[in-house]
Amino acid sequence: MSPGNPNRPRPRRSRDVERAEPVGRLPGTRVEGDRIAALLGVKPVLAGAVLEQPLKAIRSPRILHLATHGFFLEDQHIAPGTGWRDLGVTASVDRLANSRFESPMLRSGLLLVGFNTWRNGGEAPAEAEDGMLTAEDVTGMDLLDTELVVLSACETGLGQVHVGEGVFGLRRAFAVAGARTLVMSLWKVPDEQTQELMVDF
């Protein structure tokens, strides 16, 4: 059984996310949000207000700065010749039976309010959805007039390489959504030092 309310529509997500560990708070992100908002002369969206539905509904802010947890999940390695039935999955549709890997756009994203609640089987606010803004979600956002997106989170620049097509992940998703410039990380980054770097930037 999936975590969360079984009667609520299930957003598309990676099959591996349900096995993810809960994430801890990042105290530096609040400091980062307050300081950067003051520099830009805007009101920050902080703590319990960082909800998936309102974030997906924003329309082309000039600068979008997101400070949170990022994730990139490597696809599961399936031995050649292994079928869905060998993995304990019954697939009656040929398309499913021939598809070994899920979209890498579901395997990368940002964690928001409600993720831990959803992951632990609790009931998050409806606007929180599952607390995961996946790369696939980002492709549906309207960022056509957004000059800069800063993803102040771990491993946001990672993705899955498809020969002849490039890297699939948050980088591609924000470009498809219309963002002109992106600042991302290929590594895990420490909370306190990241907020200092981002404020200086």
N, C-alpha and C. Protein backbone atom coordinates (compact mmCIF):
# COMPACT_ATOMS: atom_id res chain seq x y z
N MET A 1 0.84 -1.19 0.00
CA MET A 1 0.00 0.00 0.00
C MET A 1 0.88 1.24 0.00
N SER A 2 0.51 2.23 -0.81
CA SER A 2 1.27 3.47 -0.90
C SER A 2 0.99 4.33 0.32
N PRO A 3 2.03 5.11 0.74
CA PRO A 3 1.79 6.05 1.82
C PRO A 3 0.76 7.09 1.40
N GLY A 4 0.15 7.75 2.39
CA GLY A 4 -0.81 8.82 2.12
C GLY A 4 -2.23 8.30 1.99
N ASN A 5 -3.14 9.20 1.69
CA ASN A 5 -4.56 8.89 1.56
C ASN A 5 -4.80 8.10 0.28
N PRO A 6 -5.31 6.86 0.37
CA PRO A 6 -5.53 6.06 -0.83
C PRO A 6 -6.64 6.61 -1.72
N ASN A 7 -7.50 7.48 -1.21
CA ASN A 7 -8.58 8.06 -2.01
C ASN A 7 -8.15 9.30 -2.80
N ARG A 8 -7.01 9.89 -2.45
CA ARG A 8 -6.52 11.07 -3.14
C ARG A 8 -5.87 10.63 -4.45
N PRO A 9 -6.06 11.39 -5.55
CA PRO A 9 -5.41 11.02 -6.82
C PRO A 9 -3.90 10.90 -6.63
N ARG A 10 -3.32 9.88 -7.24
CA ARG A 10 -1.90 9.60 -7.06
C ARG A 10 -1.09 10.28 -8.15
N PRO A 11 -0.26 11.28 -7.78
CA PRO A 11 0.59 11.90 -8.79
C PRO A 11 1.60 10.88 -9.32
N ARG A 12 2.08 11.13 -10.53
CA ARG A 12 3.12 10.26 -11.07
C ARG A 12 4.40 10.47 -10.28
N ARG A 13 5.02 9.37 -9.88
CA ARG A 13 6.28 9.45 -9.14
C ARG A 13 7.06 8.18 -9.35
N SER A 14 8.33 8.22 -9.01
CA SER A 14 9.18 7.04 -9.14
C SER A 14 8.74 5.95 -8.18
N ARG A 15 8.85 4.71 -8.62
CA ARG A 15 8.51 3.59 -7.74
C ARG A 15 9.48 3.48 -6.57
N ASP A 16 10.66 4.11 -6.68
CA ASP A 16 11.66 4.02 -5.61
C ASP A 16 11.46 5.05 -4.51
N VAL A 17 10.67 6.08 -4.74
CA VAL A 17 10.50 7.15 -3.76
C VAL A 17 9.86 6.64 -2.48
N GLU A 18 8.98 5.67 -2.58
CA GLU A 18 8.29 5.18 -1.39
C GLU A 18 9.25 4.50 -0.42
N ARG A 19 10.43 4.13 -0.90
CA ARG A 19 11.44 3.54 -0.02
C ARG A 19 12.42 4.57 0.51
N ALA A 20 12.24 5.84 0.14
CA ALA A 20 13.15 6.91 0.54
C ALA A 20 13.07 7.15 2.05
N GLU A 21 14.18 7.59 2.59
CA GLU A 21 14.25 7.92 4.01
C GLU A 21 13.64 9.31 4.24
N PRO A 22 13.08 9.56 5.43
CA PRO A 22 12.62 10.91 5.74
C PRO A 22 13.80 11.88 5.69
N VAL A 23 13.51 13.14 5.41
CA VAL A 23 14.58 14.14 5.35
C VAL A 23 14.46 15.09 6.53
N GLY A 24 15.60 15.62 6.96
CA GLY A 24 15.63 16.54 8.09
C GLY A 24 15.47 17.98 7.64
N ARG A 25 15.19 18.84 8.59
CA ARG A 25 15.06 20.27 8.31
C ARG A 25 16.42 20.86 7.96
N LEU A 26 16.39 21.92 7.18
CA LEU A 26 17.60 22.65 6.81
C LEU A 26 17.49 24.07 7.38
N PRO A 27 17.99 24.30 8.60
CA PRO A 27 17.82 25.62 9.23
C PRO A 27 18.40 26.76 8.39
N GLY A 28 19.46 26.48 7.65
CA GLY A 28 20.08 27.52 6.83
C GLY A 28 19.20 28.03 5.71
N THR A 29 18.23 27.21 5.26
CA THR A 29 17.38 27.65 4.14
C THR A 29 16.47 28.81 4.55
N ARG A 30 16.04 28.85 5.80
CA ARG A 30 15.20 29.97 6.25
C ARG A 30 16.01 31.26 6.27
N VAL A 31 17.24 31.17 6.79
CA VAL A 31 18.13 32.34 6.80
C VAL A 31 18.39 32.79 5.37
N GLU A 32 18.68 31.82 4.51
CA GLU A 32 18.94 32.09 3.10
C GLU A 32 17.74 32.79 2.45
N GLY A 33 16.54 32.25 2.68
CA GLY A 33 15.34 32.84 2.10
C GLY A 33 15.10 34.26 2.57
N ASP A 34 15.24 34.49 3.87
CA ASP A 34 15.04 35.84 4.42
C ASP A 34 16.04 36.83 3.84
N ARG A 35 17.31 36.44 3.80
CA ARG A 35 18.35 37.37 3.35
C ARG A 35 18.24 37.67 1.85
N ILE A 36 17.98 36.65 1.07
CA ILE A 36 17.89 36.86 -0.38
C ILE A 36 16.63 37.65 -0.73
N ALA A 37 15.53 37.38 -0.05
CA ALA A 37 14.30 38.15 -0.28
C ALA A 37 14.53 39.62 0.05
N ALA A 38 15.25 39.89 1.13
CA ALA A 38 15.54 41.28 1.50
C ALA A 38 16.39 41.95 0.42
N LEU A 39 17.37 41.24 -0.12
CA LEU A 39 18.21 41.79 -1.19
C LEU A 39 17.40 42.08 -2.45
N LEU A 40 16.42 41.24 -2.73
CA LEU A 40 15.61 41.40 -3.94
C LEU A 40 14.38 42.28 -3.73
N GLY A 41 14.09 42.62 -2.48
CA GLY A 41 12.93 43.45 -2.18
C GLY A 41 11.60 42.73 -2.37
N VAL A 42 11.58 41.44 -2.04
CA VAL A 42 10.34 40.65 -2.17
C VAL A 42 10.05 39.96 -0.86
N LYS A 43 8.83 39.42 -0.75
CA LYS A 43 8.44 38.67 0.45
C LYS A 43 8.73 37.19 0.19
N PRO A 44 9.51 36.54 1.07
CA PRO A 44 9.83 35.13 0.83
C PRO A 44 8.67 34.20 1.18
N VAL A 45 8.66 33.04 0.55
CA VAL A 45 7.72 31.97 0.91
C VAL A 45 8.55 30.98 1.73
N LEU A 46 8.20 30.80 2.99
CA LEU A 46 9.03 30.02 3.90
C LEU A 46 8.25 28.92 4.60
N ALA A 47 9.01 27.96 5.09
CA ALA A 47 8.52 26.89 5.98
C ALA A 47 7.25 26.23 5.44
N GLY A 48 6.17 26.24 6.21
CA GLY A 48 4.95 25.53 5.87
C GLY A 48 4.22 26.06 4.65
N ALA A 49 4.65 27.19 4.10
CA ALA A 49 3.99 27.77 2.93
C ALA A 49 4.60 27.27 1.61
N VAL A 50 5.66 26.49 1.69
CA VAL A 50 6.33 26.00 0.47
C VAL A 50 5.62 24.72 0.01
N LEU A 51 4.49 24.93 -0.67
CA LEU A 51 3.62 23.84 -1.07
C LEU A 51 3.70 23.60 -2.58
N GLU A 52 3.54 22.34 -2.97
CA GLU A 52 3.72 21.95 -4.37
C GLU A 52 2.74 22.63 -5.32
N GLN A 53 1.44 22.64 -5.01
CA GLN A 53 0.45 23.22 -5.94
C GLN A 53 0.70 24.69 -6.21
N PRO A 54 0.86 25.54 -5.18
CA PRO A 54 1.13 26.96 -5.46
C PRO A 54 2.44 27.17 -6.21
N LEU A 55 3.45 26.37 -5.93
CA LEU A 55 4.72 26.51 -6.63
C LEU A 55 4.55 26.20 -8.11
N LYS A 56 3.83 25.14 -8.42
CA LYS A 56 3.61 24.79 -9.83
C LYS A 56 2.76 25.82 -10.55
N ALA A 57 1.98 26.61 -9.80
CA ALA A 57 1.07 27.58 -10.40
C ALA A 57 1.70 28.96 -10.62
N ILE A 58 2.91 29.19 -10.12
CA ILE A 58 3.50 30.52 -10.31
C ILE A 58 3.72 30.80 -11.79
N ARG A 59 3.70 32.09 -12.15
CA ARG A 59 3.83 32.49 -13.54
C ARG A 59 5.04 33.39 -13.72
N SER A 60 6.08 32.86 -14.28
CA SER A 60 7.25 33.61 -14.73
C SER A 60 7.77 34.68 -13.78
N PRO A 61 8.18 34.30 -12.57
CA PRO A 61 8.86 35.31 -11.74
C PRO A 61 10.19 35.66 -12.42
N ARG A 62 10.68 36.87 -12.20
CA ARG A 62 11.95 37.25 -12.82
C ARG A 62 13.08 36.36 -12.29
N ILE A 63 13.08 36.12 -10.96
CA ILE A 63 14.05 35.24 -10.32
C ILE A 63 13.30 34.24 -9.45
N LEU A 64 13.64 32.98 -9.57
CA LEU A 64 13.05 31.94 -8.73
C LEU A 64 14.20 31.27 -7.98
N HIS A 65 14.22 31.43 -6.66
CA HIS A 65 15.28 30.86 -5.83
C HIS A 65 14.63 29.82 -4.91
N LEU A 66 15.04 28.56 -5.06
CA LEU A 66 14.48 27.47 -4.26
C LEU A 66 15.58 26.86 -3.41
N ALA A 67 15.42 26.91 -2.10
CA ALA A 67 16.39 26.34 -1.16
C ALA A 67 15.71 25.21 -0.40
N THR A 68 16.10 23.98 -0.70
CA THR A 68 15.45 22.82 -0.09
C THR A 68 16.32 21.59 -0.32
N HIS A 69 15.75 20.41 -0.14
CA HIS A 69 16.43 19.15 -0.47
C HIS A 69 16.20 18.83 -1.94
N GLY A 70 17.26 18.44 -2.63
CA GLY A 70 17.13 17.94 -3.99
C GLY A 70 17.37 16.44 -4.00
N PHE A 71 16.91 15.77 -5.06
CA PHE A 71 17.19 14.33 -5.15
C PHE A 71 17.35 13.92 -6.60
N PHE A 72 18.18 12.92 -6.80
CA PHE A 72 18.29 12.23 -8.08
C PHE A 72 18.44 10.75 -7.75
N LEU A 73 17.51 9.94 -8.22
CA LEU A 73 17.52 8.50 -7.95
C LEU A 73 18.03 7.76 -9.19
N GLU A 74 19.09 7.00 -9.02
CA GLU A 74 19.57 6.17 -10.12
C GLU A 74 18.50 5.14 -10.44
N ASP A 75 18.35 4.80 -11.71
CA ASP A 75 17.37 3.79 -12.08
C ASP A 75 17.84 2.43 -11.56
N GLN A 76 16.89 1.57 -11.27
CA GLN A 76 17.22 0.24 -10.78
C GLN A 76 17.91 -0.54 -11.88
N HIS A 77 18.91 -1.31 -11.50
CA HIS A 77 19.60 -2.16 -12.46
C HIS A 77 18.86 -3.49 -12.54
N ILE A 78 18.43 -3.83 -13.73
CA ILE A 78 17.69 -5.06 -13.95
C ILE A 78 18.55 -5.96 -14.82
N ALA A 79 18.79 -7.17 -14.38
CA ALA A 79 19.63 -8.10 -15.13
C ALA A 79 19.01 -8.40 -16.49
N PRO A 80 19.85 -8.50 -17.53
CA PRO A 80 19.31 -8.83 -18.86
C PRO A 80 18.51 -10.13 -18.79
N GLY A 81 17.38 -10.15 -19.48
CA GLY A 81 16.53 -11.33 -19.50
C GLY A 81 15.52 -11.38 -18.38
N THR A 82 15.64 -10.44 -17.42
CA THR A 82 14.68 -10.42 -16.31
C THR A 82 13.40 -9.77 -16.79
N GLY A 83 12.29 -10.40 -16.55
CA GLY A 83 10.99 -9.84 -16.94
C GLY A 83 10.28 -9.28 -15.73
N TRP A 84 9.16 -8.59 -15.99
CA TRP A 84 8.38 -8.01 -14.90
C TRP A 84 7.88 -9.08 -13.93
N ARG A 85 7.52 -10.25 -14.45
CA ARG A 85 7.04 -11.30 -13.55
C ARG A 85 8.13 -11.76 -12.60
N ASP A 86 9.39 -11.75 -13.08
CA ASP A 86 10.52 -12.12 -12.21
C ASP A 86 10.69 -11.12 -11.07
N LEU A 87 10.23 -9.89 -11.29
CA LEU A 87 10.35 -8.86 -10.26
C LEU A 87 9.12 -8.80 -9.37
N GLY A 88 8.16 -9.70 -9.59
CA GLY A 88 6.96 -9.73 -8.78
C GLY A 88 5.88 -8.78 -9.27
N VAL A 89 5.99 -8.34 -10.53
CA VAL A 89 5.01 -7.41 -11.09
C VAL A 89 4.27 -8.13 -12.21
N THR A 90 2.95 -8.06 -12.19
CA THR A 90 2.16 -8.64 -13.27
C THR A 90 1.84 -7.54 -14.26
N ALA A 91 2.28 -7.70 -15.50
CA ALA A 91 2.02 -6.69 -16.53
C ALA A 91 1.21 -7.33 -17.64
N SER A 92 -0.01 -6.83 -17.85
CA SER A 92 -0.85 -7.39 -18.89
C SER A 92 -0.73 -6.60 -20.18
N VAL A 93 -0.07 -5.44 -20.12
CA VAL A 93 0.07 -4.60 -21.29
C VAL A 93 1.47 -4.79 -21.87
N ASP A 94 1.57 -5.10 -23.16
CA ASP A 94 2.87 -5.33 -23.78
C ASP A 94 3.81 -4.14 -23.60
N ARG A 95 3.24 -2.93 -23.68
CA ARG A 95 4.06 -1.72 -23.52
C ARG A 95 4.78 -1.74 -22.18
N LEU A 96 4.08 -2.14 -21.12
CA LEU A 96 4.70 -2.22 -19.80
C LEU A 96 5.73 -3.33 -19.74
N ALA A 97 5.41 -4.44 -20.33
CA ALA A 97 6.31 -5.58 -20.27
C ALA A 97 7.63 -5.29 -20.97
N ASN A 98 7.59 -4.43 -22.01
CA ASN A 98 8.80 -4.10 -22.75
C ASN A 98 9.54 -2.89 -22.19
N SER A 99 8.95 -2.20 -21.23
CA SER A 99 9.57 -1.01 -20.67
C SER A 99 10.31 -1.38 -19.39
N ARG A 100 11.64 -1.35 -19.43
CA ARG A 100 12.43 -1.77 -18.28
C ARG A 100 12.64 -0.65 -17.27
N PHE A 101 12.73 0.57 -17.76
CA PHE A 101 13.09 1.68 -16.88
C PHE A 101 12.01 2.75 -16.91
N GLU A 102 11.84 3.44 -15.80
CA GLU A 102 10.87 4.53 -15.77
C GLU A 102 11.53 5.83 -16.18
N SER A 103 10.73 6.83 -16.42
CA SER A 103 11.23 8.13 -16.88
C SER A 103 12.20 8.74 -15.88
N PRO A 104 13.37 9.19 -16.33
CA PRO A 104 14.29 9.87 -15.42
C PRO A 104 13.73 11.19 -14.92
N MET A 105 12.69 11.70 -15.59
CA MET A 105 12.06 12.95 -15.15
C MET A 105 11.24 12.73 -13.87
N LEU A 106 10.99 11.47 -13.52
CA LEU A 106 10.34 11.15 -12.25
C LEU A 106 11.37 10.86 -11.16
N ARG A 107 12.62 10.72 -11.56
CA ARG A 107 13.67 10.28 -10.64
C ARG A 107 14.53 11.43 -10.14
N SER A 108 14.16 12.66 -10.50
CA SER A 108 14.88 13.82 -9.99
C SER A 108 13.88 14.89 -9.62
N GLY A 109 14.22 15.68 -8.61
CA GLY A 109 13.29 16.72 -8.18
C GLY A 109 13.72 17.40 -6.90
N LEU A 110 12.76 18.10 -6.31
CA LEU A 110 12.96 18.84 -5.08
C LEU A 110 11.92 18.39 -4.06
N LEU A 111 12.32 18.34 -2.79
CA LEU A 111 11.40 17.95 -1.72
C LEU A 111 10.86 19.19 -1.03
N LEU A 112 9.56 19.19 -0.82
CA LEU A 112 8.87 20.36 -0.26
C LEU A 112 8.08 19.96 0.99
N VAL A 113 7.28 20.89 1.48
CA VAL A 113 6.42 20.63 2.63
C VAL A 113 5.51 19.44 2.33
N GLY A 114 5.39 18.55 3.27
CA GLY A 114 4.48 17.41 3.14
C GLY A 114 5.15 16.12 2.74
N PHE A 115 6.41 16.17 2.29
CA PHE A 115 7.06 14.93 1.85
C PHE A 115 7.16 13.93 2.99
N ASN A 116 7.70 14.36 4.14
CA ASN A 116 7.85 13.42 5.26
C ASN A 116 6.50 12.90 5.73
N THR A 117 5.49 13.75 5.75
CA THR A 117 4.15 13.32 6.16
C THR A 117 3.63 12.26 5.20
N TRP A 118 3.74 12.55 3.88
CA TRP A 118 3.28 11.59 2.88
C TRP A 118 4.07 10.29 3.00
N ARG A 119 5.39 10.39 3.12
CA ARG A 119 6.26 9.23 3.18
C ARG A 119 5.94 8.35 4.38
N ASN A 120 5.53 8.97 5.48
CA ASN A 120 5.21 8.22 6.71
C ASN A 120 3.75 7.77 6.77
N GLY A 121 3.00 7.97 5.66
CA GLY A 121 1.62 7.50 5.59
C GLY A 121 0.61 8.45 6.17
N GLY A 122 1.04 9.68 6.50
CA GLY A 122 0.13 10.66 7.08
C GLY A 122 -0.63 11.44 6.02
N GLU A 123 -1.45 12.37 6.48
CA GLU A 123 -2.30 13.18 5.61
C GLU A 123 -1.76 14.60 5.57
N ALA A 124 -1.07 14.94 4.47
CA ALA A 124 -0.56 16.31 4.28
C ALA A 124 -1.69 17.17 3.71
N PRO A 125 -1.58 18.49 3.80
CA PRO A 125 -2.60 19.35 3.18
C PRO A 125 -2.70 19.05 1.69
N ALA A 126 -3.89 19.21 1.12
CA ALA A 126 -4.11 18.90 -0.29
C ALA A 126 -3.16 19.68 -1.19
N GLU A 127 -2.87 20.94 -0.84
CA GLU A 127 -1.98 21.77 -1.65
C GLU A 127 -0.55 21.26 -1.64
N ALA A 128 -0.20 20.43 -0.66
CA ALA A 128 1.15 19.88 -0.59
C ALA A 128 1.33 18.71 -1.55
N GLU A 129 0.22 18.10 -1.97
CA GLU A 129 0.25 16.88 -2.78
C GLU A 129 1.15 15.86 -2.08
N ASP A 130 2.20 15.34 -2.78
CA ASP A 130 3.10 14.38 -2.12
C ASP A 130 4.39 15.02 -1.65
N GLY A 131 4.48 16.35 -1.79
CA GLY A 131 5.67 17.06 -1.32
C GLY A 131 6.88 16.89 -2.20
N MET A 132 6.69 16.44 -3.44
CA MET A 132 7.80 16.25 -4.37
C MET A 132 7.52 17.00 -5.66
N LEU A 133 8.37 17.95 -5.98
CA LEU A 133 8.30 18.63 -7.27
C LEU A 133 9.29 17.91 -8.18
N THR A 134 8.78 16.98 -8.99
CA THR A 134 9.66 16.21 -9.87
C THR A 134 10.01 17.03 -11.10
N ALA A 135 11.03 16.57 -11.81
CA ALA A 135 11.40 17.23 -13.06
C ALA A 135 10.23 17.21 -14.03
N GLU A 136 9.45 16.14 -14.03
CA GLU A 136 8.27 16.08 -14.89
C GLU A 136 7.27 17.17 -14.52
N ASP A 137 7.08 17.42 -13.22
CA ASP A 137 6.19 18.51 -12.78
C ASP A 137 6.69 19.85 -13.30
N VAL A 138 8.01 20.05 -13.23
CA VAL A 138 8.60 21.34 -13.63
C VAL A 138 8.34 21.63 -15.09
N THR A 139 8.32 20.61 -15.95
CA THR A 139 8.11 20.85 -17.38
C THR A 139 6.76 21.50 -17.67
N GLY A 140 5.81 21.38 -16.76
CA GLY A 140 4.50 21.99 -16.95
C GLY A 140 4.38 23.38 -16.37
N MET A 141 5.46 23.91 -15.78
CA MET A 141 5.42 25.25 -15.20
C MET A 141 5.60 26.31 -16.28
N ASP A 142 5.14 27.53 -16.00
CA ASP A 142 5.28 28.65 -16.92
C ASP A 142 6.41 29.55 -16.42
N LEU A 143 7.61 29.37 -17.00
CA LEU A 143 8.77 30.17 -16.62
C LEU A 143 9.35 30.90 -17.84
N LEU A 144 8.51 31.21 -18.81
CA LEU A 144 8.98 31.79 -20.07
C LEU A 144 9.69 33.12 -19.90
N ASP A 145 9.32 33.93 -18.90
CA ASP A 145 9.98 35.21 -18.68
C ASP A 145 10.88 35.19 -17.45
N THR A 146 11.25 34.00 -17.00
CA THR A 146 12.11 33.88 -15.82
C THR A 146 13.57 33.96 -16.25
N GLU A 147 14.26 34.97 -15.73
CA GLU A 147 15.65 35.19 -16.11
C GLU A 147 16.61 34.24 -15.41
N LEU A 148 16.31 33.91 -14.15
CA LEU A 148 17.23 33.11 -13.35
C LEU A 148 16.49 32.18 -12.41
N VAL A 149 16.87 30.91 -12.42
CA VAL A 149 16.40 29.94 -11.43
C VAL A 149 17.61 29.45 -10.66
N VAL A 150 17.57 29.57 -9.34
CA VAL A 150 18.65 29.07 -8.48
C VAL A 150 18.08 27.91 -7.69
N LEU A 151 18.69 26.74 -7.86
CA LEU A 151 18.30 25.56 -7.09
C LEU A 151 19.38 25.33 -6.03
N SER A 152 19.12 25.86 -4.86
CA SER A 152 20.07 25.78 -3.76
C SER A 152 19.76 24.49 -3.00
N ALA A 153 20.21 23.37 -3.58
CA ALA A 153 19.91 22.05 -3.04
C ALA A 153 20.94 21.07 -3.57
N CYS A 154 21.04 19.92 -2.94
CA CYS A 154 22.02 18.90 -3.33
C CYS A 154 21.68 18.27 -4.68
N GLU A 155 22.70 18.05 -5.49
CA GLU A 155 22.64 17.19 -6.68
C GLU A 155 21.54 17.56 -7.67
N THR A 156 21.19 18.86 -7.77
CA THR A 156 20.13 19.25 -8.68
C THR A 156 20.57 19.23 -10.14
N GLY A 157 21.88 19.22 -10.37
CA GLY A 157 22.38 19.19 -11.74
C GLY A 157 22.53 17.79 -12.30
N LEU A 158 22.25 16.77 -11.49
CA LEU A 158 22.39 15.39 -11.96
C LEU A 158 21.20 14.99 -12.81
N GLY A 159 21.41 13.98 -13.63
CA GLY A 159 20.34 13.47 -14.47
C GLY A 159 20.80 12.20 -15.15
N GLN A 160 19.97 11.69 -16.02
CA GLN A 160 20.30 10.47 -16.74
C GLN A 160 20.62 10.83 -18.18
N VAL A 161 21.76 10.35 -18.67
CA VAL A 161 22.20 10.66 -20.02
C VAL A 161 21.55 9.70 -21.01
N HIS A 162 20.95 10.29 -22.06
CA HIS A 162 20.40 9.50 -23.16
C HIS A 162 21.20 9.87 -24.40
N VAL A 163 21.87 8.90 -24.98
CA VAL A 163 22.73 9.15 -26.13
C VAL A 163 21.93 9.85 -27.23
N GLY A 164 22.48 10.94 -27.72
CA GLY A 164 21.84 11.70 -28.79
C GLY A 164 20.76 12.65 -28.32
N GLU A 165 20.40 12.57 -27.03
CA GLU A 165 19.33 13.43 -26.52
C GLU A 165 19.76 14.30 -25.37
N GLY A 166 20.88 14.01 -24.73
CA GLY A 166 21.36 14.82 -23.62
C GLY A 166 20.98 14.25 -22.27
N VAL A 167 21.00 15.13 -21.26
CA VAL A 167 20.75 14.74 -19.88
C VAL A 167 19.30 15.04 -19.51
N PHE A 168 18.62 14.03 -18.97
CA PHE A 168 17.24 14.19 -18.51
C PHE A 168 17.24 14.35 -17.00
N GLY A 169 16.65 15.43 -16.52
CA GLY A 169 16.58 15.72 -15.10
C GLY A 169 16.08 17.14 -14.91
N LEU A 170 16.40 17.76 -13.77
CA LEU A 170 15.92 19.10 -13.48
C LEU A 170 16.45 20.13 -14.46
N ARG A 171 17.68 19.97 -14.92
CA ARG A 171 18.27 20.93 -15.87
C ARG A 171 17.39 21.03 -17.12
N ARG A 172 17.07 19.90 -17.70
CA ARG A 172 16.23 19.89 -18.90
C ARG A 172 14.83 20.42 -18.57
N ALA A 173 14.29 20.02 -17.42
CA ALA A 173 12.92 20.40 -17.06
C ALA A 173 12.77 21.92 -16.96
N PHE A 174 13.70 22.59 -16.28
CA PHE A 174 13.60 24.04 -16.16
C PHE A 174 13.82 24.74 -17.49
N ALA A 175 14.68 24.18 -18.34
CA ALA A 175 14.88 24.75 -19.68
C ALA A 175 13.59 24.61 -20.50
N VAL A 176 12.95 23.44 -20.44
CA VAL A 176 11.68 23.23 -21.16
C VAL A 176 10.62 24.20 -20.65
N ALA A 177 10.60 24.46 -19.35
CA ALA A 177 9.61 25.37 -18.76
C ALA A 177 9.86 26.82 -19.16
N GLY A 178 11.07 27.11 -19.67
CA GLY A 178 11.35 28.46 -20.18
C GLY A 178 12.41 29.25 -19.44
N ALA A 179 12.95 28.71 -18.35
CA ALA A 179 13.96 29.45 -17.58
C ALA A 179 15.19 29.71 -18.45
N ARG A 180 15.70 30.94 -18.39
CA ARG A 180 16.83 31.32 -19.25
C ARG A 180 18.18 30.92 -18.68
N THR A 181 18.33 31.02 -17.36
CA THR A 181 19.61 30.70 -16.72
C THR A 181 19.35 29.89 -15.47
N LEU A 182 20.21 28.90 -15.23
CA LEU A 182 20.06 28.02 -14.06
C LEU A 182 21.36 27.98 -13.26
N VAL A 183 21.22 27.98 -11.93
CA VAL A 183 22.34 27.71 -11.04
C VAL A 183 21.97 26.45 -10.29
N MET A 184 22.82 25.42 -10.41
CA MET A 184 22.52 24.10 -9.84
C MET A 184 23.79 23.52 -9.22
N SER A 185 23.65 22.37 -8.57
CA SER A 185 24.80 21.69 -7.97
C SER A 185 24.87 20.25 -8.44
N LEU A 186 26.10 19.78 -8.67
CA LEU A 186 26.32 18.38 -9.01
C LEU A 186 26.63 17.54 -7.77
N TRP A 187 26.77 18.19 -6.62
CA TRP A 187 27.23 17.51 -5.42
C TRP A 187 26.28 17.71 -4.26
N LYS A 188 26.53 16.97 -3.19
CA LYS A 188 25.85 17.23 -1.92
C LYS A 188 26.49 18.49 -1.35
N VAL A 189 25.67 19.37 -0.81
CA VAL A 189 26.18 20.65 -0.32
C VAL A 189 25.76 20.86 1.13
N PRO A 190 26.67 21.41 1.98
CA PRO A 190 26.33 21.64 3.39
C PRO A 190 25.39 22.83 3.55
N ASP A 191 24.48 22.74 4.50
CA ASP A 191 23.42 23.72 4.70
C ASP A 191 23.96 25.12 5.00
N GLU A 192 24.77 25.27 6.03
CA GLU A 192 25.21 26.60 6.47
C GLU A 192 26.07 27.29 5.41
N GLN A 193 27.05 26.55 4.86
CA GLN A 193 27.94 27.14 3.86
C GLN A 193 27.18 27.49 2.57
N THR A 194 26.17 26.69 2.25
CA THR A 194 25.38 26.97 1.05
C THR A 194 24.63 28.29 1.19
N GLN A 195 24.00 28.52 2.35
CA GLN A 195 23.26 29.77 2.50
C GLN A 195 24.22 30.96 2.44
N GLU A 196 25.44 30.84 2.98
CA GLU A 196 26.40 31.92 2.90
C GLU A 196 26.79 32.19 1.45
N LEU A 197 27.07 31.14 0.71
CA LEU A 197 27.44 31.27 -0.70
C LEU A 197 26.31 31.90 -1.51
N MET A 198 25.09 31.45 -1.29
CA MET A 198 23.95 31.94 -2.06
C MET A 198 23.68 33.42 -1.79
N VAL A 199 23.81 33.84 -0.54
CA VAL A 199 23.61 35.25 -0.20
C VAL A 199 24.69 36.10 -0.87
N ASP A 200 25.95 35.64 -0.83
CA ASP A 200 27.03 36.36 -1.51
C ASP A 200 26.78 36.44 -3.01
N PHE A 201 26.31 35.35 -3.59
CA PHE A 201 26.02 35.30 -5.03
C PHE A 201 24.95 36.31 -5.39
